[in-house]
Amino acid sequence: MTTYPELVPGVLLRRYKRFLADVQLESREEVVAHCPNTGSMKAVNVPGCRVWLSPSDNPKRKLVWTWEWIELPQPDGSLALASVHTGRANRIVEEAILVGDITPLAGYQTLKREVKVSDARLDFRLSDPDKGEAFIEVKQVTLKEADGHGYFPDSVSVRGTKHLHTLTALAEQGKRAVLLFCVAHEGIHDVAPAAHIDPIYAVALAEAVDAGVEVLAYGVTLDWKAGVPVAVRLARPLPMRI
C-alpha cells in the first residue's frame, strides 16, 4: 500500500505547457502545481473538477505543489478518482508485488528494478531458484472512453510498442514475460488496447499474446481518512478485452 503526505484539495483551472497546472485551493488562493504526466491526459484533464495536490518542503523545488489525483464524474452520478502522477505507478505495483496482492506474480524471492533487455529497459525482473525469472513492464491506465471501457494507450505510443516487442522476444525465448496494466482510475472495470488511437500498438499486443506474453490488469483502491485520500492499494484484478 502506497501512502501519501497530507493531500490538499482544490479545483483544476487549467493544465498547460505539459508540466504545469493552475489550481484554486479551498482558501480561494490560486497556485501553480507540477503536472507529473507527459501524456495526452485524455479524459483526465477536466477543468472544474476537484483535484488533490501533495505538498513538498524541499527548498530546491520551484513548485511547492504536485498534482496527484482528479475526481471525475461517472454516468451513475458517482465520483471516481484517477491518478495523473504516472511516476507513482511503478512504486504502487512494486509494493503490491512484494506483499502478494498480485497473485500471479507472488512467490518470487527477489525483485530488481529497471532491467536492461536488448536495447530496451523493462520495469522489473523477478527471480526465484524454483520459479525462475519473470520480466515485467508496467503501464498506467487512466483513459475511460464514452463506451464505459478502459483503454491503453491514450495517444500513439512508440515506446509502448517497443516494450511489447521486447516482451514478445522474451516469450519466444521461453522466458516469462508479463505486461501489467496498473489501472489508476476507480471507474475503470476492464481494459482493452486502444486500437482507435494507436492501431499499431493494438496489433503488437495481439502478437505478444500469441507469442505467450501474459497480460494482467489490476485496479486501484483508495483508503480515506477524514475525507482525504491517504493511501492506495493495487489488489483489484480486472478483465482484459483483447
Protein backbone atom coordinates (compact mmCIF):
# COMPACT_ATOMS: atom_id res chain seq x y z
CA MET A 1 0.00 0.00 0.00
CA THR A 2 1.36 3.40 -1.02
CA THR A 3 0.74 6.19 1.46
CA TYR A 4 0.63 9.91 0.76
CA PRO A 5 1.54 13.00 2.70
CA GLU A 6 -1.49 15.03 3.69
CA LEU A 7 -3.16 15.79 0.36
CA VAL A 8 -4.83 19.14 -0.19
CA PRO A 9 -7.98 19.59 -2.31
CA GLY A 10 -8.53 22.21 -4.98
CA VAL A 11 -10.25 22.82 -8.29
CA LEU A 12 -8.42 22.41 -11.60
CA LEU A 13 -8.40 25.61 -13.63
CA ARG A 14 -6.17 24.52 -16.50
CA ARG A 15 -3.18 22.41 -17.49
CA TYR A 16 -0.60 23.99 -19.80
CA LYS A 17 2.96 23.61 -21.06
CA ARG A 18 2.57 19.87 -20.27
CA PHE A 19 4.07 20.14 -16.78
CA LEU A 20 2.06 22.96 -15.21
CA ALA A 21 -1.46 23.21 -13.80
CA ASP A 22 -3.31 26.13 -12.25
CA VAL A 23 -5.38 25.06 -9.24
CA GLN A 24 -7.64 27.04 -6.94
CA LEU A 25 -7.38 25.86 -3.34
CA GLU A 26 -10.32 25.87 -0.95
CA SER A 27 -8.95 29.09 0.52
CA ARG A 28 -9.55 30.63 -2.97
CA GLU A 29 -5.79 31.03 -3.43
CA GLU A 30 -4.62 30.10 -6.93
CA VAL A 31 -1.40 28.06 -7.10
CA VAL A 32 0.73 26.54 -9.84
CA ALA A 33 1.25 22.80 -9.43
CA HIS A 34 3.67 20.45 -11.13
CA CYS A 35 1.85 18.08 -13.51
CA PRO A 36 3.86 14.80 -13.47
CA ASN A 37 2.37 13.42 -16.68
CA THR A 38 3.90 13.72 -20.14
CA GLY A 39 0.97 12.06 -21.92
CA SER A 40 -2.13 13.44 -23.56
CA MET A 41 -4.13 13.02 -20.31
CA LYS A 42 -7.19 12.40 -22.44
CA ALA A 43 -10.30 12.24 -20.24
CA VAL A 44 -8.42 13.16 -17.04
CA ASN A 45 -7.59 16.79 -17.86
CA VAL A 46 -11.00 18.21 -16.97
CA PRO A 47 -11.09 21.82 -15.68
CA GLY A 48 -13.66 22.41 -12.97
CA CYS A 49 -13.12 19.03 -11.29
CA ARG A 50 -11.76 18.64 -7.79
CA VAL A 51 -8.12 17.64 -7.64
CA TRP A 52 -5.75 16.57 -4.88
CA LEU A 53 -2.28 18.05 -4.50
CA SER A 54 0.70 16.88 -2.47
CA PRO A 55 2.94 19.48 -0.81
CA SER A 56 6.74 19.50 -0.76
CA ASP A 57 9.04 21.15 1.76
CA ASN A 58 12.09 20.76 -0.49
CA PRO A 59 13.61 24.27 -0.77
CA LYS A 60 15.26 23.34 -4.09
CA ARG A 61 11.92 22.78 -5.80
CA LYS A 62 10.47 25.60 -7.86
CA LEU A 63 6.90 24.42 -7.26
CA VAL A 64 5.57 23.51 -3.83
CA TRP A 65 2.62 21.51 -5.15
CA THR A 66 2.32 18.31 -7.19
CA TRP A 67 -0.93 17.25 -8.85
CA GLU A 68 -1.74 13.68 -7.73
CA TRP A 69 -5.43 12.85 -8.37
CA ILE A 70 -8.53 14.18 -10.08
CA GLU A 71 -12.16 13.35 -9.21
CA LEU A 72 -14.19 12.59 -12.32
CA PRO A 73 -17.99 12.39 -12.55
CA GLN A 74 -19.34 9.00 -13.62
CA PRO A 75 -22.52 8.19 -15.57
CA ASP A 76 -24.25 6.93 -12.41
CA GLY A 77 -23.66 10.24 -10.62
CA SER A 78 -20.76 8.99 -8.50
CA LEU A 79 -17.20 10.29 -8.50
CA ALA A 80 -14.11 8.25 -9.37
CA LEU A 81 -10.53 9.21 -8.59
CA ALA A 82 -7.93 8.92 -11.33
CA SER A 83 -4.20 9.37 -10.90
CA VAL A 84 -2.33 11.87 -13.05
CA HIS A 85 1.05 11.03 -11.50
CA THR A 86 2.50 8.41 -13.86
CA GLY A 87 5.70 8.29 -11.82
CA ARG A 88 3.90 6.59 -8.92
CA ALA A 89 2.65 3.60 -10.93
CA ASN A 90 5.84 1.54 -10.55
CA ARG A 91 6.01 2.14 -6.82
CA ILE A 92 2.37 1.10 -6.42
CA VAL A 93 2.99 -2.04 -8.46
CA GLU A 94 6.21 -2.89 -6.63
CA GLU A 95 4.55 -2.70 -3.24
CA ALA A 96 1.63 -4.81 -4.47
CA ILE A 97 4.03 -7.49 -5.73
CA LEU A 98 6.05 -7.52 -2.52
CA VAL A 99 3.01 -8.02 -0.28
CA GLY A 100 1.49 -10.64 -2.59
CA ASP A 101 -1.54 -8.65 -3.76
CA ILE A 102 -0.87 -9.61 -7.38
CA THR A 103 -1.40 -13.35 -7.10
CA PRO A 104 0.10 -14.40 -10.48
CA LEU A 105 3.36 -12.70 -9.51
CA ALA A 106 3.60 -13.95 -5.94
CA GLY A 107 6.28 -16.26 -4.58
CA TYR A 108 9.45 -14.83 -6.10
CA GLN A 109 12.42 -14.21 -3.82
CA THR A 110 13.98 -11.11 -5.38
CA LEU A 111 12.85 -8.09 -7.34
CA LYS A 112 15.10 -5.88 -9.46
CA ARG A 113 14.05 -2.55 -10.97
CA GLU A 114 14.90 -1.07 -14.37
CA VAL A 115 16.26 -4.17 -16.10
CA LYS A 116 18.07 -3.76 -19.43
CA VAL A 117 16.92 -6.26 -22.04
CA SER A 118 18.43 -5.92 -25.50
CA ASP A 119 18.02 -2.24 -26.46
CA ALA A 120 15.16 -1.57 -24.04
CA ARG A 121 14.56 -1.29 -20.31
CA LEU A 122 11.77 -3.15 -18.57
CA ASP A 123 10.42 -2.10 -15.19
CA PHE A 124 11.03 -5.24 -13.12
CA ARG A 125 12.64 -8.65 -13.08
CA LEU A 126 11.51 -11.19 -10.51
CA SER A 127 13.80 -14.12 -9.68
CA ASP A 128 13.46 -17.32 -7.72
CA PRO A 129 15.53 -20.55 -7.65
CA ASP A 130 12.43 -22.66 -8.23
CA LYS A 131 10.17 -20.37 -10.29
CA GLY A 132 12.90 -18.89 -12.48
CA GLU A 133 12.60 -15.35 -13.83
CA ALA A 134 9.72 -13.10 -14.79
CA PHE A 135 10.17 -9.86 -16.77
CA ILE A 136 7.51 -7.22 -16.18
CA GLU A 137 6.61 -3.99 -17.95
CA VAL A 138 4.11 -1.66 -16.24
CA LYS A 139 1.71 0.72 -17.97
CA GLN A 140 -0.65 3.10 -16.17
CA VAL A 141 -4.22 3.21 -17.48
CA THR A 142 -6.50 6.21 -16.88
CA LEU A 143 -8.39 6.54 -20.17
CA LYS A 144 -12.09 5.76 -19.81
CA GLU A 145 -13.96 6.33 -23.04
CA ALA A 146 -17.64 7.18 -23.54
CA ASP A 147 -18.44 3.48 -24.01
CA GLY A 148 -17.53 2.92 -20.35
CA HIS A 149 -14.42 0.83 -21.01
CA GLY A 150 -10.78 1.49 -20.13
CA TYR A 151 -8.14 1.73 -22.84
CA PHE A 152 -4.38 1.99 -23.32
CA PRO A 153 -2.64 3.99 -24.68
CA ASP A 154 -4.29 7.43 -24.62
CA SER A 155 -2.08 8.61 -27.50
CA VAL A 156 0.24 6.96 -30.04
CA SER A 157 2.94 5.18 -28.02
CA VAL A 158 6.06 4.24 -29.97
CA ARG A 159 7.80 3.45 -26.69
CA GLY A 160 4.93 1.21 -25.60
CA THR A 161 5.11 -0.75 -28.85
CA LYS A 162 8.87 -1.16 -28.40
CA HIS A 163 8.29 -2.63 -24.95
CA LEU A 164 5.78 -5.08 -26.43
CA HIS A 165 8.34 -6.23 -28.98
CA THR A 166 10.86 -6.77 -26.17
CA LEU A 167 8.37 -8.83 -24.16
CA THR A 168 7.45 -10.82 -27.27
CA ALA A 169 11.10 -11.69 -27.92
CA LEU A 170 11.50 -12.88 -24.32
CA ALA A 171 8.39 -15.05 -24.58
CA GLU A 172 9.64 -16.56 -27.82
CA GLN A 173 12.84 -17.49 -25.98
CA GLY A 174 10.77 -19.42 -23.45
CA LYS A 175 11.03 -16.81 -20.69
CA ARG A 176 8.14 -15.50 -18.63
CA ALA A 177 7.16 -12.05 -19.93
CA VAL A 178 4.36 -10.02 -18.34
CA LEU A 179 2.61 -6.78 -19.32
CA LEU A 180 0.91 -5.35 -16.24
CA PHE A 181 -1.68 -2.59 -16.59
CA CYS A 182 -1.86 -0.51 -13.42
CA VAL A 183 -5.41 0.84 -13.73
CA ALA A 184 -5.21 4.05 -11.73
CA HIS A 185 -8.86 5.03 -12.23
CA GLU A 186 -11.55 3.83 -9.84
CA GLY A 187 -14.20 3.96 -12.57
CA ILE A 188 -12.46 1.58 -14.98
CA HIS A 189 -13.58 -2.04 -14.72
CA ASP A 190 -11.87 -3.64 -17.72
CA VAL A 191 -9.04 -2.79 -20.15
CA ALA A 192 -8.58 -3.08 -23.91
CA PRO A 193 -5.94 -1.92 -26.38
CA ALA A 194 -6.88 1.48 -27.83
CA ALA A 195 -6.95 0.41 -31.47
CA HIS A 196 -8.91 3.59 -32.29
CA ILE A 197 -5.95 5.67 -31.06
CA ASP A 198 -2.89 3.52 -31.80
CA PRO A 199 -3.68 0.59 -34.12
CA ILE A 200 0.00 -0.37 -34.32
CA TYR A 201 0.10 -0.88 -30.57
CA ALA A 202 -3.08 -2.97 -30.69
CA VAL A 203 -1.59 -5.26 -33.33
CA ALA A 204 1.66 -5.57 -31.37
CA LEU A 205 -0.31 -6.51 -28.24
CA ALA A 206 -2.21 -9.25 -30.09
CA GLU A 207 1.09 -10.60 -31.46
CA ALA A 208 2.60 -10.51 -27.96
CA VAL A 209 -0.28 -12.53 -26.54
CA ASP A 210 0.05 -15.06 -29.36
CA ALA A 211 3.75 -15.40 -28.51
CA GLY A 212 2.96 -16.18 -24.88
CA VAL A 213 3.21 -12.78 -23.16
CA GLU A 214 0.93 -12.66 -20.12
CA VAL A 215 -1.28 -9.58 -19.84
CA LEU A 216 -2.61 -8.62 -16.40
CA ALA A 217 -4.75 -5.69 -15.31
CA TYR A 218 -5.17 -4.60 -11.70
CA GLY A 219 -7.15 -1.63 -10.41
CA VAL A 220 -6.51 0.75 -7.53
CA THR A 221 -8.48 1.02 -4.30
CA LEU A 222 -8.08 4.14 -2.18
CA ASP A 223 -8.21 4.49 1.58
CA TRP A 224 -9.69 7.67 3.02
CA LYS A 225 -9.36 9.35 6.39
CA ALA A 226 -11.42 12.37 7.41
CA GLY A 227 -12.46 12.95 3.81
CA VAL A 228 -8.92 12.85 2.43
CA PRO A 229 -7.32 10.03 0.39
CA VAL A 230 -4.36 8.76 2.40
CA ALA A 231 -3.25 5.54 0.68
CA VAL A 232 -3.69 3.50 -2.50
CA ARG A 233 -3.56 -0.25 -2.97
CA LEU A 234 -3.38 -2.31 -6.17
CA ALA A 235 -5.27 -5.52 -5.47
CA ARG A 236 -8.34 -5.49 -7.75
CA PRO A 237 -7.92 -7.89 -10.70
CA LEU A 238 -9.69 -6.68 -13.84
CA PRO A 239 -10.59 -8.49 -17.08
CA MET A 240 -8.71 -7.78 -20.30
CA ARG A 241 -10.53 -7.32 -23.60
CA ILE A 242 -8.02 -8.27 -26.31
